[in-house]
Amino acid sequence: IVFVEGGDLIPADMRVLECSDNFHVDNAALTGESEPQRRKYICTHDDPLETQNLCFFGTQIPEGSCKGVVISTGDKTVMGRI
């Protein structure tokens, strides 16, 4: 279980268990999206890169906070496979 908040980097691929209403991640390094993306604990899409309940290693948190469970580390993360 990991707790992260604004200013942190996501330490591993993780699934959101609980988060603040303003929890966003900046996926620009991974997807090229220019705006931070809102995250929540509910699965919203079958595609891991599109669902709002996953956060990925190396992405930044511009605001909010989250408690999550690690699902992948190292070479098994989305970033590690690129």
PDB file of N, CA and C in Angstrom:
ATOM      1  N   ILE A   1       0.857  -1.175   0.000  1.00  0.00           N
ATOM      2  CA  ILE A   1       0.000   0.000   0.000  1.00  0.00           C
ATOM      3  C   ILE A   1       0.901   1.236   0.000  1.00  0.00           C
ATOM      4  N   VAL A   2       0.544   2.204  -0.846  1.00  0.00           N
ATOM      5  CA  VAL A   2       1.342   3.418  -1.014  1.00  0.00           C
ATOM      6  C   VAL A   2       0.440   4.639  -0.840  1.00  0.00           C
ATOM      7  N   PHE A   3       0.947   5.678  -0.172  1.00  0.00           N
ATOM      8  CA  PHE A   3       0.248   6.946  -0.072  1.00  0.00           C
ATOM      9  C   PHE A   3       1.067   7.999  -0.810  1.00  0.00           C
ATOM     10  N   VAL A   4       0.437   8.720  -1.740  1.00  0.00           N
ATOM     11  CA  VAL A   4       1.112   9.769  -2.505  1.00  0.00           C
ATOM     12  C   VAL A   4       0.261  11.037  -2.467  1.00  0.00           C
ATOM     13  N   GLU A   5       0.930  12.179  -2.671  1.00  0.00           N
ATOM     14  CA  GLU A   5       0.219  13.460  -2.672  1.00  0.00           C
ATOM     15  C   GLU A   5       0.891  14.430  -3.640  1.00  0.00           C
ATOM     16  N   GLY A   6       0.258  15.569  -3.845  1.00  0.00           N
ATOM     17  CA  GLY A   6       0.754  16.576  -4.772  1.00  0.00           C
ATOM     18  C   GLY A   6       2.246  16.825  -4.628  1.00  0.00           C
ATOM     19  N   GLY A   7       2.969  16.826  -5.745  1.00  0.00           N
ATOM     20  CA  GLY A   7       4.414  17.022  -5.756  1.00  0.00           C
ATOM     21  C   GLY A   7       5.199  15.728  -5.829  1.00  0.00           C
ATOM     22  N   ASP A   8       4.548  14.597  -5.546  1.00  0.00           N
ATOM     23  CA  ASP A   8       5.220  13.292  -5.591  1.00  0.00           C
ATOM     24  C   ASP A   8       5.247  12.724  -7.005  1.00  0.00           C
ATOM     25  N   LEU A   9       6.145  11.763  -7.209  1.00  0.00           N
ATOM     26  CA  LEU A   9       6.136  10.925  -8.398  1.00  0.00           C
ATOM     27  C   LEU A   9       5.518   9.587  -8.018  1.00  0.00           C
ATOM     28  N   ILE A  10       4.771   8.989  -8.924  1.00  0.00           N
ATOM     29  CA  ILE A  10       4.201   7.666  -8.669  1.00  0.00           C
ATOM     30  C   ILE A  10       5.364   6.667  -8.648  1.00  0.00           C
ATOM     31  N   PRO A  11       5.538   5.899  -7.557  1.00  0.00           N
ATOM     32  CA  PRO A  11       6.702   5.032  -7.405  1.00  0.00           C
ATOM     33  C   PRO A  11       6.626   3.693  -8.130  1.00  0.00           C
ATOM     34  N   ALA A  12       5.439   3.306  -8.583  1.00  0.00           N
ATOM     35  CA  ALA A  12       5.225   2.021  -9.264  1.00  0.00           C
ATOM     36  C   ALA A  12       3.847   2.091  -9.917  1.00  0.00           C
ATOM     37  N   ASP A  13       3.544   1.180 -10.827  1.00  0.00           N
ATOM     38  CA  ASP A  13       2.176   1.125 -11.337  1.00  0.00           C
ATOM     39  C   ASP A  13       1.283   0.739 -10.164  1.00  0.00           C
ATOM     40  N   MET A  14       0.173   1.437 -10.023  1.00  0.00           N
ATOM     41  CA  MET A  14      -0.686   1.170  -8.877  1.00  0.00           C
ATOM     42  C   MET A  14      -2.155   1.386  -9.200  1.00  0.00           C
ATOM     43  N   ARG A  15      -2.997   0.686  -8.451  1.00  0.00           N
ATOM     44  CA  ARG A  15      -4.443   0.831  -8.563  1.00  0.00           C
ATOM     45  C   ARG A  15      -4.913   1.702  -7.401  1.00  0.00           C
ATOM     46  N   VAL A  16      -5.759   2.672  -7.706  1.00  0.00           N
ATOM     47  CA  VAL A  16      -6.261   3.614  -6.710  1.00  0.00           C
ATOM     48  C   VAL A  16      -7.287   2.917  -5.809  1.00  0.00           C
ATOM     49  N   LEU A  17      -7.067   3.011  -4.491  1.00  0.00           N
ATOM     50  CA  LEU A  17      -8.016   2.482  -3.512  1.00  0.00           C
ATOM     51  C   LEU A  17      -8.902   3.590  -2.948  1.00  0.00           C
ATOM     52  N   GLU A  18      -8.286   4.733  -2.651  1.00  0.00           N
ATOM     53  CA  GLU A  18      -8.976   5.919  -2.146  1.00  0.00           C
ATOM     54  C   GLU A  18      -8.239   7.139  -2.682  1.00  0.00           C
ATOM     55  N   CYS A  19      -8.984   8.226  -2.935  1.00  0.00           N
ATOM     56  CA  CYS A  19      -8.300   9.445  -3.368  1.00  0.00           C
ATOM     57  C   CYS A  19      -9.146  10.668  -3.072  1.00  0.00           C
ATOM     58  N   SER A  20      -8.477  11.805  -3.039  1.00  0.00           N
ATOM     59  CA  SER A  20      -9.179  13.078  -2.864  1.00  0.00           C
ATOM     60  C   SER A  20      -9.924  13.411  -4.149  1.00  0.00           C
ATOM     61  N   ASP A  21     -10.911  14.296  -4.036  1.00  0.00           N
ATOM     62  CA  ASP A  21     -11.710  14.679  -5.206  1.00  0.00           C
ATOM     63  C   ASP A  21     -10.894  15.400  -6.272  1.00  0.00           C
ATOM     64  N   ASN A  22      -9.772  15.996  -5.878  1.00  0.00           N
ATOM     65  CA  ASN A  22      -8.950  16.753  -6.826  1.00  0.00           C
ATOM     66  C   ASN A  22      -7.693  15.992  -7.251  1.00  0.00           C
ATOM     67  N   PHE A  23      -7.670  14.674  -7.100  1.00  0.00           N
ATOM     68  CA  PHE A  23      -6.481  13.887  -7.435  1.00  0.00           C
ATOM     69  C   PHE A  23      -6.297  13.820  -8.953  1.00  0.00           C
ATOM     70  N   HIS A  24      -5.144  14.311  -9.414  1.00  0.00           N
ATOM     71  CA  HIS A  24      -4.781  14.302 -10.835  1.00  0.00           C
ATOM     72  C   HIS A  24      -3.365  13.767 -10.997  1.00  0.00           C
ATOM     73  N   VAL A  25      -3.097  13.153 -12.136  1.00  0.00           N
ATOM     74  CA  VAL A  25      -1.734  12.745 -12.488  1.00  0.00           C
ATOM     75  C   VAL A  25      -1.381  13.334 -13.844  1.00  0.00           C
ATOM     76  N   ASP A  26      -0.110  13.645 -14.008  1.00  0.00           N
ATOM     77  CA  ASP A  26       0.395  14.193 -15.270  1.00  0.00           C
ATOM     78  C   ASP A  26       1.047  13.048 -16.041  1.00  0.00           C
ATOM     79  N   ASN A  27       0.346  12.546 -17.046  1.00  0.00           N
ATOM     80  CA  ASN A  27       0.826  11.414 -17.845  1.00  0.00           C
ATOM     81  C   ASN A  27       1.617  11.838 -19.073  1.00  0.00           C
ATOM     82  N   ALA A  28       2.029  13.094 -19.162  1.00  0.00           N
ATOM     83  CA  ALA A  28       2.693  13.603 -20.364  1.00  0.00           C
ATOM     84  C   ALA A  28       3.902  12.764 -20.773  1.00  0.00           C
ATOM     85  N   ALA A  29       4.693  12.320 -19.814  1.00  0.00           N
ATOM     86  CA  ALA A  29       5.884  11.528 -20.133  1.00  0.00           C
ATOM     87  C   ALA A  29       5.517  10.168 -20.734  1.00  0.00           C
ATOM     88  N   LEU A  30       4.338   9.687 -20.421  1.00  0.00           N
ATOM     89  CA  LEU A  30       3.912   8.366 -20.873  1.00  0.00           C
ATOM     90  C   LEU A  30       3.035   8.420 -22.112  1.00  0.00           C
ATOM     91  N   THR A  31       2.069   9.337 -22.138  1.00  0.00           N
ATOM     92  CA  THR A  31       1.078   9.356 -23.219  1.00  0.00           C
ATOM     93  C   THR A  31       1.136  10.603 -24.087  1.00  0.00           C
ATOM     94  N   GLY A  32       1.850  11.634 -23.628  1.00  0.00           N
ATOM     95  CA  GLY A  32       1.924  12.882 -24.388  1.00  0.00           C
ATOM     96  C   GLY A  32       0.750  13.816 -24.124  1.00  0.00           C
ATOM     97  N   GLU A  33      -0.173  13.419 -23.246  1.00  0.00           N
ATOM     98  CA  GLU A  33      -1.314  14.280 -22.939  1.00  0.00           C
ATOM     99  C   GLU A  33      -0.815  15.564 -22.277  1.00  0.00           C
ATOM    100  N   SER A  34      -1.340  16.690 -22.714  1.00  0.00           N
ATOM    101  CA  SER A  34      -0.834  17.968 -22.226  1.00  0.00           C
ATOM    102  C   SER A  34      -1.468  18.410 -20.908  1.00  0.00           C
ATOM    103  N   GLU A  35      -2.629  17.895 -20.577  1.00  0.00           N
ATOM    104  CA  GLU A  35      -3.319  18.273 -19.347  1.00  0.00           C
ATOM    105  C   GLU A  35      -3.285  17.125 -18.337  1.00  0.00           C
ATOM    106  N   PRO A  36      -3.122  17.435 -17.049  1.00  0.00           N
ATOM    107  CA  PRO A  36      -3.196  16.382 -16.024  1.00  0.00           C
ATOM    108  C   PRO A  36      -4.559  15.683 -16.076  1.00  0.00           C
ATOM    109  N   GLN A  37      -4.562  14.393 -15.806  1.00  0.00           N
ATOM    110  CA  GLN A  37      -5.766  13.577 -15.891  1.00  0.00           C
ATOM    111  C   GLN A  37      -6.297  13.249 -14.505  1.00  0.00           C
ATOM    112  N   ARG A  38      -7.608  13.392 -14.331  1.00  0.00           N
ATOM    113  CA  ARG A  38      -8.238  13.080 -13.048  1.00  0.00           C
ATOM    114  C   ARG A  38      -8.201  11.568 -12.830  1.00  0.00           C
ATOM    115  N   ARG A  39      -8.007  11.174 -11.591  1.00  0.00           N
ATOM    116  CA  ARG A  39      -8.021   9.768 -11.214  1.00  0.00           C
ATOM    117  C   ARG A  39      -9.027   9.555 -10.100  1.00  0.00           C
ATOM    118  N   LYS A  40      -9.642   8.367 -10.076  1.00  0.00           N
ATOM    119  CA  LYS A  40     -10.574   7.985  -9.030  1.00  0.00           C
ATOM    120  C   LYS A  40     -10.494   6.486  -8.802  1.00  0.00           C
ATOM    121  N   TYR A  41     -11.169   5.986  -7.801  1.00  0.00           N
ATOM    122  CA  TYR A  41     -11.043   4.572  -7.440  1.00  0.00           C
ATOM    123  C   TYR A  41     -11.892   3.636  -8.292  1.00  0.00           C
ATOM    124  N   ILE A  42     -12.767   4.171  -9.127  1.00  0.00           N
ATOM    125  CA  ILE A  42     -13.672   3.353  -9.944  1.00  0.00           C
ATOM    126  C   ILE A  42     -13.024   3.042 -11.296  1.00  0.00           C
ATOM    127  N   CYS A  43     -13.103   1.776 -11.721  1.00  0.00           N
ATOM    128  CA  CYS A  43     -12.631   1.383 -13.050  1.00  0.00           C
ATOM    129  C   CYS A  43     -13.573   1.985 -14.084  1.00  0.00           C
ATOM    130  N   THR A  44     -13.032   2.729 -15.041  1.00  0.00           N
ATOM    131  CA  THR A  44     -13.868   3.423 -16.029  1.00  0.00           C
ATOM    132  C   THR A  44     -13.675   2.921 -17.455  1.00  0.00           C
ATOM    133  N   HIS A  45     -12.705   2.032 -17.677  1.00  0.00           N
ATOM    134  CA  HIS A  45     -12.422   1.560 -19.040  1.00  0.00           C
ATOM    135  C   HIS A  45     -11.659   0.248 -18.954  1.00  0.00           C
ATOM    136  N   ASP A  46     -11.836  -0.631 -19.938  1.00  0.00           N
ATOM    137  CA  ASP A  46     -11.106  -1.901 -19.964  1.00  0.00           C
ATOM    138  C   ASP A  46      -9.629  -1.726 -20.311  1.00  0.00           C
ATOM    139  N   ASP A  47      -9.300  -0.672 -21.064  1.00  0.00           N
ATOM    140  CA  ASP A  47      -7.919  -0.398 -21.452  1.00  0.00           C
ATOM    141  C   ASP A  47      -7.176   0.218 -20.257  1.00  0.00           C
ATOM    142  N   PRO A  48      -6.086  -0.403 -19.798  1.00  0.00           N
ATOM    143  CA  PRO A  48      -5.358   0.129 -18.638  1.00  0.00           C
ATOM    144  C   PRO A  48      -4.887   1.572 -18.805  1.00  0.00           C
ATOM    145  N   LEU A  49      -4.553   1.982 -20.030  1.00  0.00           N
ATOM    146  CA  LEU A  49      -4.090   3.357 -20.234  1.00  0.00           C
ATOM    147  C   LEU A  49      -5.233   4.366 -20.238  1.00  0.00           C
ATOM    148  N   GLU A  50      -6.457   3.899 -20.352  1.00  0.00           N
ATOM    149  CA  GLU A  50      -7.614   4.802 -20.399  1.00  0.00           C
ATOM    150  C   GLU A  50      -8.406   4.858 -19.094  1.00  0.00           C
ATOM    151  N   THR A  51      -8.343   3.811 -18.294  1.00  0.00           N
ATOM    152  CA  THR A  51      -9.137   3.792 -17.067  1.00  0.00           C
ATOM    153  C   THR A  51      -8.621   4.808 -16.049  1.00  0.00           C
ATOM    154  N   GLN A  52      -9.516   5.312 -15.219  1.00  0.00           N
ATOM    155  CA  GLN A  52      -9.148   6.350 -14.264  1.00  0.00           C
ATOM    156  C   GLN A  52      -8.724   5.805 -12.907  1.00  0.00           C
ATOM    157  N   ASN A  53      -8.670   4.482 -12.741  1.00  0.00           N
ATOM    158  CA  ASN A  53      -8.287   3.949 -11.435  1.00  0.00           C
ATOM    159  C   ASN A  53      -6.867   3.394 -11.402  1.00  0.00           C
ATOM    160  N   LEU A  54      -6.076   3.668 -12.420  1.00  0.00           N
ATOM    161  CA  LEU A  54      -4.674   3.252 -12.439  1.00  0.00           C
ATOM    162  C   LEU A  54      -3.761   4.464 -12.580  1.00  0.00           C
ATOM    163  N   CYS A  55      -2.610   4.395 -11.908  1.00  0.00           N
ATOM    164  CA  CYS A  55      -1.565   5.410 -12.014  1.00  0.00           C
ATOM    165  C   CYS A  55      -0.276   4.680 -12.386  1.00  0.00           C
ATOM    166  N   PHE A  56       0.585   5.345 -13.128  1.00  0.00           N
ATOM    167  CA  PHE A  56       1.747   4.666 -13.679  1.00  0.00           C
ATOM    168  C   PHE A  56       3.077   5.229 -13.175  1.00  0.00           C
ATOM    169  N   PHE A  57       4.013   4.326 -12.985  1.00  0.00           N
ATOM    170  CA  PHE A  57       5.364   4.651 -12.522  1.00  0.00           C
ATOM    171  C   PHE A  57       5.930   5.857 -13.271  1.00  0.00           C
ATOM    172  N   GLY A  58       6.504   6.794 -12.519  1.00  0.00           N
ATOM    173  CA  GLY A  58       7.199   7.938 -13.113  1.00  0.00           C
ATOM    174  C   GLY A  58       6.319   9.116 -13.452  1.00  0.00           C
ATOM    175  N   THR A  59       4.992   8.983 -13.339  1.00  0.00           N
ATOM    176  CA  THR A  59       4.133  10.124 -13.618  1.00  0.00           C
ATOM    177  C   THR A  59       4.056  11.006 -12.384  1.00  0.00           C
ATOM    178  N   GLN A  60       3.793  12.281 -12.598  1.00  0.00           N
ATOM    179  CA  GLN A  60       3.789  13.258 -11.509  1.00  0.00           C
ATOM    180  C   GLN A  60       2.376  13.526 -11.018  1.00  0.00           C
ATOM    181  N   ILE A  61       2.293  13.946  -9.761  1.00  0.00           N
ATOM    182  CA  ILE A  61       1.009  14.315  -9.167  1.00  0.00           C
ATOM    183  C   ILE A  61       1.013  15.825  -8.939  1.00  0.00           C
ATOM    184  N   PRO A  62       0.306  16.585  -9.781  1.00  0.00           N
ATOM    185  CA  PRO A  62       0.273  18.034  -9.579  1.00  0.00           C
ATOM    186  C   PRO A  62      -0.621  18.460  -8.414  1.00  0.00           C
ATOM    187  N   GLU A  63      -1.661  17.660  -8.103  1.00  0.00           N
ATOM    188  CA  GLU A  63      -2.533  18.015  -6.986  1.00  0.00           C
ATOM    189  C   GLU A  63      -3.295  16.796  -6.488  1.00  0.00           C
ATOM    190  N   GLY A  64      -3.753  16.893  -5.239  1.00  0.00           N
ATOM    191  CA  GLY A  64      -4.544  15.830  -4.645  1.00  0.00           C
ATOM    192  C   GLY A  64      -3.700  14.804  -3.923  1.00  0.00           C
ATOM    193  N   SER A  65      -4.354  13.767  -3.437  1.00  0.00           N
ATOM    194  CA  SER A  65      -3.670  12.690  -2.730  1.00  0.00           C
ATOM    195  C   SER A  65      -4.385  11.374  -3.002  1.00  0.00           C
ATOM    196  N   CYS A  66      -3.660  10.278  -2.752  1.00  0.00           N
ATOM    197  CA  CYS A  66      -4.196   8.966  -3.092  1.00  0.00           C
ATOM    198  C   CYS A  66      -3.562   7.882  -2.237  1.00  0.00           C
ATOM    199  N   LYS A  67      -4.356   6.868  -1.924  1.00  0.00           N
ATOM    200  CA  LYS A  67      -3.846   5.634  -1.347  1.00  0.00           C
ATOM    201  C   LYS A  67      -4.095   4.561  -2.391  1.00  0.00           C
ATOM    202  N   GLY A  68      -3.052   3.783  -2.724  1.00  0.00           N
ATOM    203  CA  GLY A  68      -3.196   2.768  -3.751  1.00  0.00           C
ATOM    204  C   GLY A  68      -2.401   1.520  -3.432  1.00  0.00           C
ATOM    205  N   VAL A  69      -2.635   0.496  -4.224  1.00  0.00           N
ATOM    206  CA  VAL A  69      -1.916  -0.763  -4.065  1.00  0.00           C
ATOM    207  C   VAL A  69      -1.034  -0.962  -5.305  1.00  0.00           C
ATOM    208  N   VAL A  70       0.217  -1.337  -5.087  1.00  0.00           N
ATOM    209  CA  VAL A  70       1.163  -1.558  -6.183  1.00  0.00           C
ATOM    210  C   VAL A  70       0.749  -2.794  -6.973  1.00  0.00           C
ATOM    211  N   ILE A  71       0.722  -2.649  -8.307  1.00  0.00           N
ATOM    212  CA  ILE A  71       0.385  -3.787  -9.166  1.00  0.00           C
ATOM    213  C   ILE A  71       1.559  -4.220 -10.045  1.00  0.00           C
ATOM    214  N   SER A  72       2.540  -3.332 -10.274  1.00  0.00           N
ATOM    215  CA  SER A  72       3.723  -3.687 -11.078  1.00  0.00           C
ATOM    216  C   SER A  72       4.907  -2.823 -10.667  1.00  0.00           C
ATOM    217  N   THR A  73       6.104  -3.419 -10.723  1.00  0.00           N
ATOM    218  CA  THR A  73       7.336  -2.684 -10.424  1.00  0.00           C
ATOM    219  C   THR A  73       8.380  -2.993 -11.489  1.00  0.00           C
ATOM    220  N   GLY A  74       9.417  -2.143 -11.549  1.00  0.00           N
ATOM    221  CA  GLY A  74      10.553  -2.378 -12.438  1.00  0.00           C
ATOM    222  C   GLY A  74      10.182  -2.539 -13.897  1.00  0.00           C
ATOM    223  N   ASP A  75      10.757  -3.555 -14.543  1.00  0.00           N
ATOM    224  CA  ASP A  75      10.525  -3.796 -15.969  1.00  0.00           C
ATOM    225  C   ASP A  75       9.105  -4.215 -16.285  1.00  0.00           C
ATOM    226  N   LYS A  76       8.312  -4.541 -15.281  1.00  0.00           N
ATOM    227  CA  LYS A  76       6.929  -4.968 -15.510  1.00  0.00           C
ATOM    228  C   LYS A  76       5.942  -3.810 -15.507  1.00  0.00           C
ATOM    229  N   THR A  77       6.428  -2.574 -15.225  1.00  0.00           N
ATOM    230  CA  THR A  77       5.551  -1.406 -15.287  1.00  0.00           C
ATOM    231  C   THR A  77       5.308  -1.042 -16.749  1.00  0.00           C
ATOM    232  N   VAL A  78       4.282  -0.215 -16.969  1.00  0.00           N
ATOM    233  CA  VAL A  78       4.002   0.255 -18.338  1.00  0.00           C
ATOM    234  C   VAL A  78       5.220   0.996 -18.871  1.00  0.00           C
ATOM    235  N   MET A  79       5.816   1.884 -18.069  1.00  0.00           N
ATOM    236  CA  MET A  79       7.008   2.639 -18.487  1.00  0.00           C
ATOM    237  C   MET A  79       8.183   1.701 -18.725  1.00  0.00           C
ATOM    238  N   GLY A  80       8.327   0.681 -17.918  1.00  0.00           N
ATOM    239  CA  GLY A  80       9.434  -0.274 -18.046  1.00  0.00           C
ATOM    240  C   GLY A  80       9.376  -1.100 -19.300  1.00  0.00           C
ATOM    241  N   ARG A  81       8.187  -1.249 -19.873  1.00  0.00           N
ATOM    242  CA  ARG A  81       8.014  -2.042 -21.105  1.00  0.00           C
ATOM    243  C   ARG A  81       8.274  -1.234 -22.369  1.00  0.00           C
ATOM    244  N   ILE A  82       8.381   0.092 -22.206  1.00  0.00           N
ATOM    245  CA  ILE A  82       8.588   0.946 -23.397  1.00  0.00           C
ATOM    246  C   ILE A  82      10.048   0.891 -23.821  1.00  0.00           C
TER     247      ILE A  82
END
